[in-house]
Amino acid sequence: MQGTVKLETERLILRKHVFEDAQMLYRCFGSDEKMYEYSGWNPYATEETAQETIQHFLDGYSNAYFYGWAIEYEGRLVGTIGAYDYDQKENSIEIGMSIVRSRWGKGFATEALRRVLAYLTEDEGISTVTAWCAENNIGSTRAMEKVGMVQTSLENDALTINGKRFGKLNYSYMNHGLPPRI
């Protein structure tokens, strides 16, 4: 296992975080309620928590099972994507991502997710990648389905976020020796 390595797509660079990312993540993610509307957690809510989150990423890069990328477009940070909770027995890992709201609907989530799925399954040999999102999170649902992730279950009223109840959609991508769908 190599852990986080630099990855590229046609438009994006997926790179390791640098400490300076904390300021942008606080400004564009942490202070925008829409960014965590369906997750209920905000690791960038204050400048201090953004710095702590980035420091956690920096510390994690020495672990071969740690995967955390900054998503860059035209030299600007536009999102994050990471995989976590590697289960060696099941050879599976969970993935999560966020794209800054000003870039929603431009295909960045799909493009980054496709590249990371290919890396995790083809290069790292992980057989199953899972993810979840709130039932109402149409953007995440579309991105996962576009790359070939399959909904495996719906847990009704499984998420309570800011006092609202949501169904939890669970997705899975299994490597069958084929690249993620284009």
N, C-alpha and C. Protein backbone atom coordinates (compact mmCIF):
# COMPACT_ATOMS: atom_id res chain seq x y z
N MET A 1 0.84 -1.18 0.00
CA MET A 1 0.00 0.00 0.00
C MET A 1 0.88 1.24 0.00
N GLN A 2 0.46 2.19 -0.82
CA GLN A 2 1.22 3.43 -0.95
C GLN A 2 0.58 4.59 -0.20
N GLY A 3 -0.70 4.49 0.13
CA GLY A 3 -1.39 5.60 0.77
C GLY A 3 -1.65 6.71 -0.23
N THR A 4 -1.67 7.93 0.25
CA THR A 4 -1.99 9.09 -0.58
C THR A 4 -0.83 9.40 -1.51
N VAL A 5 -1.09 9.38 -2.80
CA VAL A 5 -0.12 9.79 -3.81
C VAL A 5 -0.80 10.82 -4.70
N LYS A 6 -0.01 11.59 -5.41
CA LYS A 6 -0.56 12.58 -6.32
C LYS A 6 -1.27 11.86 -7.47
N LEU A 7 -2.49 12.29 -7.76
CA LEU A 7 -3.28 11.74 -8.86
C LEU A 7 -3.73 12.88 -9.75
N GLU A 8 -3.91 12.59 -11.03
CA GLU A 8 -4.37 13.62 -11.96
C GLU A 8 -5.49 13.09 -12.82
N THR A 9 -6.35 14.01 -13.24
CA THR A 9 -7.41 13.72 -14.20
C THR A 9 -7.25 14.73 -15.33
N GLU A 10 -8.17 14.74 -16.24
CA GLU A 10 -8.11 15.70 -17.33
C GLU A 10 -8.07 17.15 -16.83
N ARG A 11 -8.85 17.44 -15.78
CA ARG A 11 -8.93 18.82 -15.28
C ARG A 11 -8.38 19.02 -13.88
N LEU A 12 -8.24 17.96 -13.12
CA LEU A 12 -7.96 18.10 -11.69
C LEU A 12 -6.61 17.52 -11.29
N ILE A 13 -6.08 18.08 -10.24
CA ILE A 13 -4.92 17.52 -9.55
C ILE A 13 -5.39 17.15 -8.15
N LEU A 14 -5.18 15.91 -7.76
CA LEU A 14 -5.48 15.45 -6.42
C LEU A 14 -4.15 15.29 -5.72
N ARG A 15 -3.94 16.09 -4.70
CA ARG A 15 -2.64 16.16 -4.04
C ARG A 15 -2.80 16.06 -2.53
N LYS A 16 -1.68 15.83 -1.87
CA LYS A 16 -1.69 15.86 -0.41
C LYS A 16 -2.01 17.29 0.04
N HIS A 17 -2.66 17.38 1.18
CA HIS A 17 -2.95 18.69 1.75
C HIS A 17 -1.66 19.35 2.22
N VAL A 18 -1.67 20.65 2.24
CA VAL A 18 -0.62 21.46 2.86
C VAL A 18 -1.30 22.31 3.93
N PHE A 19 -0.54 22.74 4.91
CA PHE A 19 -1.13 23.47 6.05
C PHE A 19 -1.90 24.70 5.59
N GLU A 20 -1.45 25.32 4.52
CA GLU A 20 -2.11 26.53 4.02
C GLU A 20 -3.53 26.27 3.52
N ASP A 21 -3.89 25.03 3.27
CA ASP A 21 -5.26 24.70 2.84
C ASP A 21 -6.28 25.03 3.92
N ALA A 22 -5.87 25.04 5.17
CA ALA A 22 -6.81 25.26 6.28
C ALA A 22 -7.58 26.57 6.12
N GLN A 23 -6.91 27.63 5.74
CA GLN A 23 -7.57 28.93 5.62
C GLN A 23 -8.69 28.89 4.58
N MET A 24 -8.41 28.31 3.41
CA MET A 24 -9.43 28.25 2.36
C MET A 24 -10.58 27.33 2.77
N LEU A 25 -10.25 26.21 3.41
CA LEU A 25 -11.30 25.29 3.83
C LEU A 25 -12.20 25.93 4.89
N TYR A 26 -11.64 26.70 5.77
CA TYR A 26 -12.45 27.43 6.75
C TYR A 26 -13.34 28.44 6.03
N ARG A 27 -12.75 29.21 5.14
CA ARG A 27 -13.47 30.30 4.46
C ARG A 27 -14.57 29.78 3.53
N CYS A 28 -14.29 28.74 2.75
CA CYS A 28 -15.23 28.28 1.73
C CYS A 28 -16.09 27.09 2.15
N PHE A 29 -15.64 26.32 3.13
CA PHE A 29 -16.41 25.16 3.58
C PHE A 29 -17.02 25.42 4.96
N GLY A 30 -16.18 25.81 5.89
CA GLY A 30 -16.61 25.93 7.29
C GLY A 30 -17.66 26.97 7.54
N SER A 31 -17.63 28.06 6.82
CA SER A 31 -18.59 29.14 7.08
C SER A 31 -19.80 29.09 6.15
N ASP A 32 -19.95 28.04 5.37
CA ASP A 32 -21.08 27.89 4.44
C ASP A 32 -21.95 26.72 4.93
N GLU A 33 -23.11 27.03 5.49
CA GLU A 33 -23.99 26.00 6.04
C GLU A 33 -24.39 24.94 5.02
N LYS A 34 -24.47 25.29 3.76
CA LYS A 34 -24.85 24.33 2.72
C LYS A 34 -23.80 23.23 2.57
N MET A 35 -22.56 23.51 2.94
CA MET A 35 -21.49 22.54 2.76
C MET A 35 -21.64 21.33 3.69
N TYR A 36 -22.30 21.49 4.81
CA TYR A 36 -22.46 20.36 5.71
C TYR A 36 -23.94 20.10 6.03
N GLU A 37 -24.80 20.55 5.14
CA GLU A 37 -26.23 20.37 5.32
C GLU A 37 -26.62 18.90 5.45
N TYR A 38 -25.97 18.01 4.69
CA TYR A 38 -26.35 16.61 4.70
C TYR A 38 -25.36 15.71 5.44
N SER A 39 -24.33 16.28 6.03
CA SER A 39 -23.38 15.44 6.77
C SER A 39 -23.52 15.63 8.28
N GLY A 40 -23.86 16.83 8.70
CA GLY A 40 -24.00 17.09 10.12
C GLY A 40 -22.69 17.34 10.84
N TRP A 41 -21.57 17.22 10.14
CA TRP A 41 -20.28 17.49 10.76
C TRP A 41 -19.54 18.52 9.92
N ASN A 42 -18.78 19.34 10.59
CA ASN A 42 -18.07 20.41 9.91
C ASN A 42 -16.66 20.52 10.49
N PRO A 43 -15.70 19.82 9.90
CA PRO A 43 -14.34 19.86 10.43
C PRO A 43 -13.60 21.17 10.15
N TYR A 44 -14.29 22.11 9.51
CA TYR A 44 -13.67 23.40 9.17
C TYR A 44 -14.45 24.57 9.76
N ALA A 45 -15.24 24.32 10.81
CA ALA A 45 -16.17 25.32 11.36
C ALA A 45 -15.47 26.56 11.90
N THR A 46 -14.27 26.41 12.43
CA THR A 46 -13.49 27.54 12.92
C THR A 46 -12.10 27.46 12.31
N GLU A 47 -11.37 28.53 12.39
CA GLU A 47 -9.99 28.50 11.88
C GLU A 47 -9.18 27.43 12.62
N GLU A 48 -9.43 27.30 13.93
CA GLU A 48 -8.69 26.33 14.73
C GLU A 48 -9.03 24.89 14.32
N THR A 49 -10.31 24.59 14.15
CA THR A 49 -10.66 23.21 13.76
C THR A 49 -10.19 22.90 12.35
N ALA A 50 -10.20 23.89 11.47
CA ALA A 50 -9.67 23.67 10.12
C ALA A 50 -8.18 23.34 10.19
N GLN A 51 -7.44 24.06 11.02
CA GLN A 51 -6.02 23.80 11.17
C GLN A 51 -5.78 22.42 11.79
N GLU A 52 -6.60 22.05 12.78
CA GLU A 52 -6.47 20.73 13.41
C GLU A 52 -6.77 19.62 12.40
N THR A 53 -7.77 19.82 11.56
CA THR A 53 -8.13 18.82 10.55
C THR A 53 -6.98 18.64 9.56
N ILE A 54 -6.42 19.75 9.09
CA ILE A 54 -5.30 19.66 8.15
C ILE A 54 -4.10 19.02 8.82
N GLN A 55 -3.85 19.35 10.08
CA GLN A 55 -2.73 18.72 10.79
C GLN A 55 -2.93 17.22 10.90
N HIS A 56 -4.18 16.80 11.12
CA HIS A 56 -4.50 15.36 11.16
C HIS A 56 -4.15 14.71 9.81
N PHE A 57 -4.50 15.38 8.70
CA PHE A 57 -4.15 14.86 7.38
C PHE A 57 -2.64 14.76 7.24
N LEU A 58 -1.93 15.82 7.60
CA LEU A 58 -0.47 15.83 7.46
C LEU A 58 0.16 14.70 8.28
N ASP A 59 -0.34 14.49 9.49
CA ASP A 59 0.18 13.41 10.34
C ASP A 59 -0.15 12.04 9.75
N GLY A 60 -1.29 11.93 9.07
CA GLY A 60 -1.73 10.66 8.52
C GLY A 60 -0.95 10.19 7.32
N TYR A 61 -0.28 11.11 6.63
CA TYR A 61 0.41 10.72 5.40
C TYR A 61 1.54 9.71 5.60
N SER A 62 1.99 9.52 6.82
CA SER A 62 3.02 8.50 7.08
C SER A 62 2.41 7.09 7.15
N ASN A 63 1.09 6.99 7.18
CA ASN A 63 0.38 5.71 7.25
C ASN A 63 0.02 5.26 5.84
N ALA A 64 0.44 4.06 5.46
CA ALA A 64 0.19 3.54 4.11
C ALA A 64 -1.29 3.28 3.84
N TYR A 65 -2.13 3.29 4.87
CA TYR A 65 -3.57 3.09 4.70
C TYR A 65 -4.35 4.39 4.85
N PHE A 66 -3.65 5.52 4.81
CA PHE A 66 -4.31 6.82 4.93
C PHE A 66 -4.43 7.44 3.54
N TYR A 67 -5.65 7.86 3.22
CA TYR A 67 -5.91 8.45 1.90
C TYR A 67 -6.67 9.76 2.09
N GLY A 68 -6.02 10.87 1.81
CA GLY A 68 -6.67 12.17 1.94
C GLY A 68 -6.11 13.15 0.92
N TRP A 69 -6.96 13.61 0.03
CA TRP A 69 -6.53 14.50 -1.05
C TRP A 69 -7.22 15.85 -1.02
N ALA A 70 -6.47 16.86 -1.41
CA ALA A 70 -7.03 18.15 -1.77
C ALA A 70 -7.30 18.09 -3.27
N ILE A 71 -8.43 18.60 -3.71
CA ILE A 71 -8.78 18.60 -5.13
C ILE A 71 -8.52 20.01 -5.66
N GLU A 72 -7.64 20.10 -6.65
CA GLU A 72 -7.25 21.38 -7.21
C GLU A 72 -7.70 21.50 -8.66
N TYR A 73 -8.21 22.67 -9.01
CA TYR A 73 -8.59 22.98 -10.39
C TYR A 73 -8.00 24.34 -10.74
N GLU A 74 -7.23 24.37 -11.79
CA GLU A 74 -6.57 25.61 -12.23
C GLU A 74 -5.85 26.30 -11.07
N GLY A 75 -5.15 25.48 -10.25
CA GLY A 75 -4.34 26.02 -9.16
C GLY A 75 -5.10 26.42 -7.92
N ARG A 76 -6.42 26.18 -7.90
CA ARG A 76 -7.23 26.55 -6.74
C ARG A 76 -7.84 25.32 -6.10
N LEU A 77 -7.89 25.32 -4.78
CA LEU A 77 -8.50 24.22 -4.04
C LEU A 77 -10.01 24.29 -4.22
N VAL A 78 -10.61 23.21 -4.74
CA VAL A 78 -12.06 23.19 -4.98
C VAL A 78 -12.76 22.08 -4.20
N GLY A 79 -12.01 21.27 -3.47
CA GLY A 79 -12.66 20.22 -2.71
C GLY A 79 -11.69 19.30 -2.02
N THR A 80 -12.26 18.31 -1.37
CA THR A 80 -11.48 17.28 -0.68
C THR A 80 -12.10 15.93 -0.97
N ILE A 81 -11.28 14.90 -0.95
CA ILE A 81 -11.77 13.53 -1.09
C ILE A 81 -10.83 12.64 -0.29
N GLY A 82 -11.40 11.69 0.41
CA GLY A 82 -10.58 10.81 1.21
C GLY A 82 -11.24 9.47 1.41
N ALA A 83 -10.43 8.50 1.77
CA ALA A 83 -10.91 7.16 2.08
C ALA A 83 -10.38 6.80 3.46
N TYR A 84 -11.19 6.11 4.23
CA TYR A 84 -10.84 5.87 5.62
C TYR A 84 -11.47 4.56 6.11
N ASP A 85 -11.07 4.18 7.30
CA ASP A 85 -11.58 2.95 7.95
C ASP A 85 -11.33 1.72 7.10
N TYR A 86 -10.09 1.55 6.64
CA TYR A 86 -9.74 0.36 5.87
C TYR A 86 -9.95 -0.88 6.73
N ASP A 87 -10.66 -1.85 6.20
CA ASP A 87 -10.93 -3.12 6.87
C ASP A 87 -10.11 -4.19 6.14
N GLN A 88 -9.02 -4.61 6.76
CA GLN A 88 -8.11 -5.56 6.12
C GLN A 88 -8.78 -6.91 5.88
N LYS A 89 -9.59 -7.36 6.81
CA LYS A 89 -10.26 -8.65 6.68
C LYS A 89 -11.21 -8.65 5.47
N GLU A 90 -11.97 -7.58 5.30
CA GLU A 90 -12.92 -7.47 4.19
C GLU A 90 -12.29 -6.86 2.95
N ASN A 91 -11.07 -6.32 3.09
CA ASN A 91 -10.38 -5.59 2.03
C ASN A 91 -11.31 -4.51 1.46
N SER A 92 -11.84 -3.70 2.38
CA SER A 92 -12.77 -2.64 1.99
C SER A 92 -12.41 -1.34 2.68
N ILE A 93 -12.92 -0.26 2.12
CA ILE A 93 -12.66 1.07 2.65
C ILE A 93 -13.85 1.96 2.33
N GLU A 94 -14.07 2.99 3.14
CA GLU A 94 -15.16 3.94 2.91
C GLU A 94 -14.58 5.23 2.35
N ILE A 95 -15.34 5.89 1.47
CA ILE A 95 -14.87 7.10 0.82
C ILE A 95 -15.85 8.24 1.08
N GLY A 96 -15.32 9.45 1.12
CA GLY A 96 -16.15 10.65 1.29
C GLY A 96 -15.53 11.80 0.54
N MET A 97 -16.36 12.77 0.16
CA MET A 97 -15.85 13.90 -0.62
C MET A 97 -16.69 15.14 -0.39
N SER A 98 -16.11 16.29 -0.69
CA SER A 98 -16.81 17.57 -0.66
C SER A 98 -16.25 18.46 -1.76
N ILE A 99 -17.14 19.16 -2.41
CA ILE A 99 -16.75 20.13 -3.43
C ILE A 99 -17.30 21.49 -3.00
N VAL A 100 -16.49 22.52 -3.12
CA VAL A 100 -16.92 23.87 -2.74
C VAL A 100 -18.17 24.25 -3.54
N ARG A 101 -19.11 24.89 -2.89
CA ARG A 101 -20.42 25.14 -3.49
C ARG A 101 -20.34 25.90 -4.82
N SER A 102 -19.41 26.81 -4.97
CA SER A 102 -19.30 27.57 -6.23
C SER A 102 -18.94 26.68 -7.42
N ARG A 103 -18.53 25.43 -7.15
CA ARG A 103 -18.15 24.49 -8.21
C ARG A 103 -19.12 23.31 -8.33
N TRP A 104 -20.23 23.33 -7.61
CA TRP A 104 -21.22 22.27 -7.73
C TRP A 104 -21.77 22.23 -9.15
N GLY A 105 -22.07 21.05 -9.62
CA GLY A 105 -22.69 20.88 -10.93
C GLY A 105 -21.71 20.94 -12.10
N LYS A 106 -20.44 20.96 -11.83
CA LYS A 106 -19.43 21.06 -12.88
C LYS A 106 -18.72 19.72 -13.14
N GLY A 107 -19.14 18.67 -12.45
CA GLY A 107 -18.56 17.34 -12.66
C GLY A 107 -17.29 17.06 -11.88
N PHE A 108 -16.88 17.96 -11.00
CA PHE A 108 -15.64 17.75 -10.25
C PHE A 108 -15.73 16.56 -9.30
N ALA A 109 -16.87 16.40 -8.62
CA ALA A 109 -17.02 15.27 -7.69
C ALA A 109 -16.92 13.95 -8.45
N THR A 110 -17.60 13.86 -9.58
CA THR A 110 -17.57 12.64 -10.38
C THR A 110 -16.17 12.35 -10.88
N GLU A 111 -15.50 13.37 -11.38
CA GLU A 111 -14.15 13.20 -11.93
C GLU A 111 -13.15 12.77 -10.86
N ALA A 112 -13.21 13.40 -9.70
CA ALA A 112 -12.30 13.04 -8.61
C ALA A 112 -12.62 11.65 -8.07
N LEU A 113 -13.90 11.37 -7.89
CA LEU A 113 -14.31 10.06 -7.39
C LEU A 113 -13.90 8.95 -8.33
N ARG A 114 -14.09 9.15 -9.62
CA ARG A 114 -13.69 8.14 -10.60
C ARG A 114 -12.20 7.83 -10.49
N ARG A 115 -11.39 8.88 -10.39
CA ARG A 115 -9.93 8.68 -10.33
C ARG A 115 -9.52 7.97 -9.04
N VAL A 116 -10.10 8.38 -7.91
CA VAL A 116 -9.74 7.77 -6.64
C VAL A 116 -10.21 6.32 -6.57
N LEU A 117 -11.40 6.03 -7.10
CA LEU A 117 -11.86 4.63 -7.16
C LEU A 117 -10.88 3.77 -7.96
N ALA A 118 -10.45 4.28 -9.09
CA ALA A 118 -9.50 3.53 -9.92
C ALA A 118 -8.20 3.29 -9.14
N TYR A 119 -7.70 4.31 -8.48
CA TYR A 119 -6.47 4.17 -7.71
C TYR A 119 -6.63 3.14 -6.59
N LEU A 120 -7.70 3.27 -5.81
CA LEU A 120 -7.90 2.38 -4.67
C LEU A 120 -8.06 0.93 -5.10
N THR A 121 -8.82 0.70 -6.17
CA THR A 121 -9.11 -0.68 -6.57
C THR A 121 -8.03 -1.28 -7.46
N GLU A 122 -7.54 -0.51 -8.42
CA GLU A 122 -6.56 -1.04 -9.37
C GLU A 122 -5.14 -1.00 -8.82
N ASP A 123 -4.74 0.12 -8.25
CA ASP A 123 -3.36 0.27 -7.78
C ASP A 123 -3.15 -0.25 -6.37
N GLU A 124 -4.10 0.01 -5.48
CA GLU A 124 -3.96 -0.41 -4.09
C GLU A 124 -4.55 -1.80 -3.84
N GLY A 125 -5.32 -2.32 -4.79
CA GLY A 125 -5.86 -3.67 -4.66
C GLY A 125 -7.00 -3.82 -3.68
N ILE A 126 -7.66 -2.74 -3.34
CA ILE A 126 -8.81 -2.80 -2.43
C ILE A 126 -10.02 -3.27 -3.24
N SER A 127 -10.69 -4.29 -2.75
CA SER A 127 -11.76 -4.90 -3.56
C SER A 127 -13.10 -4.18 -3.46
N THR A 128 -13.39 -3.54 -2.34
CA THR A 128 -14.69 -2.90 -2.18
C THR A 128 -14.52 -1.51 -1.58
N VAL A 129 -15.17 -0.53 -2.21
CA VAL A 129 -15.19 0.84 -1.71
C VAL A 129 -16.65 1.19 -1.43
N THR A 130 -16.91 1.64 -0.22
CA THR A 130 -18.27 2.00 0.17
C THR A 130 -18.39 3.49 0.41
N ALA A 131 -19.62 3.97 0.39
CA ALA A 131 -19.91 5.38 0.68
C ALA A 131 -21.37 5.47 1.10
N TRP A 132 -21.74 6.59 1.68
CA TRP A 132 -23.13 6.84 2.03
C TRP A 132 -23.42 8.32 1.87
N CYS A 133 -24.68 8.62 1.74
CA CYS A 133 -25.10 10.02 1.75
C CYS A 133 -26.55 10.09 2.22
N ALA A 134 -26.95 11.28 2.62
CA ALA A 134 -28.35 11.49 2.99
C ALA A 134 -29.20 11.33 1.74
N GLU A 135 -30.38 10.80 1.93
CA GLU A 135 -31.30 10.51 0.82
C GLU A 135 -31.56 11.75 -0.05
N ASN A 136 -31.59 12.91 0.52
CA ASN A 136 -31.89 14.14 -0.23
C ASN A 136 -30.67 14.74 -0.93
N ASN A 137 -29.49 14.17 -0.74
CA ASN A 137 -28.27 14.73 -1.31
C ASN A 137 -28.12 14.26 -2.76
N ILE A 138 -28.81 14.93 -3.64
CA ILE A 138 -28.87 14.54 -5.05
C ILE A 138 -27.50 14.61 -5.73
N GLY A 139 -26.71 15.62 -5.42
CA GLY A 139 -25.39 15.75 -6.04
C GLY A 139 -24.49 14.57 -5.75
N SER A 140 -24.43 14.16 -4.49
CA SER A 140 -23.59 13.00 -4.13
C SER A 140 -24.14 11.72 -4.74
N THR A 141 -25.46 11.57 -4.70
CA THR A 141 -26.08 10.38 -5.30
C THR A 141 -25.71 10.26 -6.77
N ARG A 142 -25.84 11.35 -7.51
CA ARG A 142 -25.53 11.34 -8.94
C ARG A 142 -24.06 11.02 -9.19
N ALA A 143 -23.18 11.63 -8.43
CA ALA A 143 -21.74 11.38 -8.64
C ALA A 143 -21.42 9.91 -8.41
N MET A 144 -21.95 9.32 -7.35
CA MET A 144 -21.66 7.92 -7.07
C MET A 144 -22.21 7.00 -8.16
N GLU A 145 -23.41 7.27 -8.59
CA GLU A 145 -24.01 6.42 -9.62
C GLU A 145 -23.32 6.57 -10.97
N LYS A 146 -22.85 7.77 -11.30
CA LYS A 146 -22.16 7.99 -12.57
C LYS A 146 -20.87 7.19 -12.69
N VAL A 147 -20.21 6.91 -11.57
CA VAL A 147 -18.95 6.17 -11.61
C VAL A 147 -19.13 4.67 -11.40
N GLY A 148 -20.37 4.22 -11.32
CA GLY A 148 -20.62 2.80 -11.20
C GLY A 148 -20.83 2.29 -9.80
N MET A 149 -20.94 3.18 -8.82
CA MET A 149 -21.27 2.72 -7.48
C MET A 149 -22.74 2.31 -7.49
N VAL A 150 -23.07 1.30 -6.72
CA VAL A 150 -24.42 0.74 -6.70
C VAL A 150 -25.01 0.94 -5.30
N GLN A 151 -26.25 1.41 -5.28
CA GLN A 151 -26.93 1.54 -3.99
C GLN A 151 -27.19 0.14 -3.44
N THR A 152 -26.73 -0.09 -2.22
CA THR A 152 -26.90 -1.41 -1.60
C THR A 152 -28.03 -1.45 -0.59
N SER A 153 -28.37 -0.28 -0.02
CA SER A 153 -29.47 -0.26 0.94
C SER A 153 -29.90 1.17 1.22
N LEU A 154 -31.09 1.28 1.78
CA LEU A 154 -31.63 2.53 2.28
C LEU A 154 -32.03 2.28 3.72
N GLU A 155 -31.48 3.07 4.62
CA GLU A 155 -31.86 2.99 6.03
C GLU A 155 -32.78 4.17 6.30
N ASN A 156 -34.05 3.91 6.44
CA ASN A 156 -35.03 4.98 6.66
C ASN A 156 -34.77 5.71 7.97
N ASP A 157 -34.84 7.03 7.93
CA ASP A 157 -34.69 7.88 9.12
C ASP A 157 -33.44 7.55 9.94
N ALA A 158 -32.37 7.15 9.29
CA ALA A 158 -31.15 6.76 10.00
C ALA A 158 -30.27 7.94 10.38
N LEU A 159 -30.47 9.09 9.74
CA LEU A 159 -29.64 10.25 10.00
C LEU A 159 -30.48 11.38 10.59
N THR A 160 -29.98 11.98 11.65
CA THR A 160 -30.58 13.20 12.19
C THR A 160 -29.52 14.27 12.08
N ILE A 161 -29.80 15.27 11.25
CA ILE A 161 -28.84 16.34 11.00
C ILE A 161 -29.54 17.67 11.23
N ASN A 162 -29.02 18.43 12.18
CA ASN A 162 -29.61 19.73 12.53
C ASN A 162 -31.11 19.62 12.77
N GLY A 163 -31.51 18.56 13.49
CA GLY A 163 -32.91 18.38 13.85
C GLY A 163 -33.79 17.79 12.76
N LYS A 164 -33.24 17.55 11.58
CA LYS A 164 -34.01 16.96 10.48
C LYS A 164 -33.64 15.49 10.34
N ARG A 165 -34.62 14.67 9.96
CA ARG A 165 -34.39 13.24 9.76
C ARG A 165 -34.27 12.95 8.27
N PHE A 166 -33.30 12.10 7.94
CA PHE A 166 -33.05 11.71 6.55
C PHE A 166 -32.84 10.21 6.47
N GLY A 167 -33.20 9.65 5.33
CA GLY A 167 -32.81 8.29 5.04
C GLY A 167 -31.33 8.28 4.67
N LYS A 168 -30.67 7.17 4.94
CA LYS A 168 -29.24 7.01 4.63
C LYS A 168 -29.11 6.04 3.47
N LEU A 169 -28.59 6.53 2.34
CA LEU A 169 -28.34 5.69 1.18
C LEU A 169 -26.93 5.13 1.26
N ASN A 170 -26.80 3.83 1.19
CA ASN A 170 -25.49 3.17 1.23
C ASN A 170 -25.13 2.69 -0.17
N TYR A 171 -23.88 2.95 -0.56
CA TYR A 171 -23.39 2.60 -1.89
C TYR A 171 -22.15 1.74 -1.78
N SER A 172 -21.88 1.00 -2.86
CA SER A 172 -20.70 0.15 -2.90
C SER A 172 -20.15 0.11 -4.33
N TYR A 173 -18.84 0.03 -4.42
CA TYR A 173 -18.16 -0.18 -5.70
C TYR A 173 -17.24 -1.37 -5.50
N MET A 174 -17.40 -2.37 -6.34
CA MET A 174 -16.55 -3.55 -6.24
C MET A 174 -15.69 -3.66 -7.49
N ASN A 175 -14.42 -3.89 -7.27
CA ASN A 175 -13.49 -4.02 -8.39
C ASN A 175 -13.67 -5.39 -9.03
N HIS A 176 -14.06 -5.36 -10.28
CA HIS A 176 -14.18 -6.60 -11.05
C HIS A 176 -13.15 -6.62 -12.18
N GLY A 177 -12.05 -5.89 -11.96
CA GLY A 177 -11.01 -5.82 -12.98
C GLY A 177 -11.30 -4.81 -14.06
N LEU A 178 -12.36 -4.03 -13.89
CA LEU A 178 -12.73 -3.00 -14.87
C LEU A 178 -12.58 -1.64 -14.26
N PRO A 179 -12.22 -0.64 -15.03
CA PRO A 179 -12.13 0.71 -14.48
C PRO A 179 -13.53 1.25 -14.17
N PRO A 180 -13.64 2.22 -13.26
CA PRO A 180 -14.93 2.84 -12.99
C PRO A 180 -15.55 3.38 -14.29
N ARG A 181 -16.87 3.26 -14.39
CA ARG A 181 -17.58 3.69 -15.59
C ARG A 181 -17.35 5.15 -15.91
N ILE A 182 -17.27 5.45 -17.19
CA ILE A 182 -17.10 6.83 -17.64
C ILE A 182 -18.46 7.42 -17.96
